[in-house]
Protein backbone atom coordinates (compact mmCIF):
# COMPACT_ATOMS: atom_id res chain seq x y z
CA MET A 1 -32.07 13.77 -21.10
CA LYS A 2 -32.44 15.88 -17.97
CA LEU A 3 -34.09 12.95 -16.23
CA VAL A 4 -31.16 10.65 -17.01
CA LEU A 5 -28.69 13.29 -15.84
CA ALA A 6 -30.65 13.81 -12.62
CA PHE A 7 -30.75 10.05 -12.01
CA MET A 8 -26.98 9.70 -12.56
CA LEU A 9 -26.21 12.57 -10.20
CA GLY A 10 -28.55 11.05 -7.65
CA CYS A 11 -26.64 7.78 -7.77
CA LEU A 12 -23.16 9.29 -7.23
CA PRO A 13 -23.35 9.22 -3.42
CA MET A 14 -24.24 5.53 -3.52
CA LEU A 15 -21.32 4.78 -5.86
CA ALA A 16 -18.91 6.71 -3.65
CA GLY A 17 -20.00 4.74 -0.61
CA ALA A 18 -19.79 1.44 -2.46
CA GLN A 19 -16.01 1.35 -2.18
CA GLU A 20 -15.24 0.48 1.42
CA LYS A 21 -12.40 2.28 3.10
CA LEU A 22 -9.42 0.31 4.32
CA PRO A 23 -8.70 0.24 8.00
CA ARG A 24 -6.16 2.94 8.82
CA ASP A 25 -3.38 0.49 9.72
CA VAL A 26 -3.91 -1.46 6.46
CA ALA A 27 -3.91 1.77 4.43
CA ARG A 28 -0.58 2.78 6.01
CA PHE A 29 0.87 -0.64 5.19
CA VAL A 30 -0.29 -0.40 1.58
CA GLU A 31 1.39 3.03 1.24
CA ASN A 32 4.65 1.80 2.82
CA ALA A 33 4.68 -1.35 0.70
CA GLN A 34 4.21 0.70 -2.49
CA MET A 35 7.01 3.07 -1.51
CA CYS A 36 9.23 0.10 -0.64
CA GLU A 37 8.72 -1.44 -4.06
CA HIS A 38 9.27 1.88 -5.76
CA PHE A 39 12.54 2.72 -4.01
CA ALA A 40 13.82 -0.87 -4.21
CA GLY A 41 13.70 -0.50 -7.99
CA GLU A 42 15.55 2.84 -8.04
CA TRP A 43 19.14 1.59 -7.92
CA ASP A 44 21.62 4.13 -9.41
CA ASP A 45 25.34 3.39 -9.32
CA ASN A 46 26.34 6.66 -10.97
CA ASP A 47 25.22 9.12 -8.28
CA LYS A 48 26.48 8.17 -4.83
CA ALA A 49 24.54 10.90 -2.99
CA ARG A 50 21.30 9.81 -4.67
CA GLN A 51 22.11 6.18 -3.88
CA ARG A 52 22.42 7.07 -0.17
CA GLU A 53 18.98 8.71 -0.32
CA ILE A 54 17.52 5.66 -2.01
CA THR A 55 19.14 3.31 0.49
CA GLN A 56 17.69 5.29 3.39
CA ALA A 57 14.23 5.36 1.78
CA VAL A 58 14.37 1.61 1.18
CA GLU A 59 15.41 0.92 4.80
CA GLN A 60 12.69 3.17 6.14
CA SER A 61 9.77 2.10 3.89
CA CYS A 62 10.64 -1.57 3.53
CA GLY A 63 11.54 -1.97 7.20
CA GLN A 64 8.30 -0.36 8.27
CA ALA A 65 6.24 -2.31 5.73
CA GLN A 66 7.78 -5.62 6.78
CA LYS A 67 6.97 -4.98 10.45
CA GLN A 68 3.45 -3.94 9.56
CA TRP A 69 2.98 -6.96 7.30
CA LYS A 70 3.82 -9.39 10.08
CA ARG A 71 1.68 -7.58 12.64
CA LEU A 72 -1.31 -7.10 10.31
CA SER A 73 -1.19 -10.68 8.99
CA ALA A 74 -1.72 -11.87 12.57
CA LYS A 75 -4.27 -9.18 13.41
CA TYR A 76 -6.47 -9.79 10.36
CA ALA A 77 -5.89 -13.57 10.10
CA GLY A 78 -9.62 -14.28 10.53
CA GLN A 79 -10.75 -11.59 8.10
CA PRO A 80 -10.20 -12.82 4.55
CA LYS A 81 -11.13 -9.53 2.88
CA TRP A 82 -8.40 -7.57 4.69
CA GLN A 83 -5.93 -10.48 4.61
CA LYS A 84 -6.23 -10.61 0.80
CA ILE A 85 -5.36 -6.90 0.51
CA ILE A 86 -2.43 -7.34 2.89
CA ASP A 87 -1.13 -10.34 0.96
CA GLU A 88 -1.50 -8.59 -2.40
CA HIS A 89 0.64 -5.70 -1.20
CA ALA A 90 3.31 -7.76 0.54
CA ASN A 91 5.52 -7.59 -2.54
CA ASP A 92 8.92 -9.23 -2.92
CA ALA A 93 10.71 -6.10 -1.66
CA VAL A 94 8.69 -6.22 1.58
CA ARG A 95 8.97 -9.96 2.07
CA SER A 96 12.70 -10.20 1.40
CA PHE A 97 13.91 -6.95 3.06
CA ARG A 98 17.03 -7.39 5.25
CA LYS A 99 18.76 -4.48 6.86
């Protein structure tokens, strides 16, 4: 049992390194795209102050994500692994955002 536990603990560093980190610009895009989708679905007609906050958050996160999406799509066009991640996170809120 101790041998199995020692083996599993010895493999943890390899497992941690197996998941490749995203490039910093792609990681920022993913975060903005997720926030864009979140706030785009937060519509609340009852509370006008909260609606203003949501509108500002949508404009900021969706606007930023849309700019990043266009720039990163061109930058990583020849790199299918990164392009796939970018395309997967370019949700409808990002693609259709209009200020």
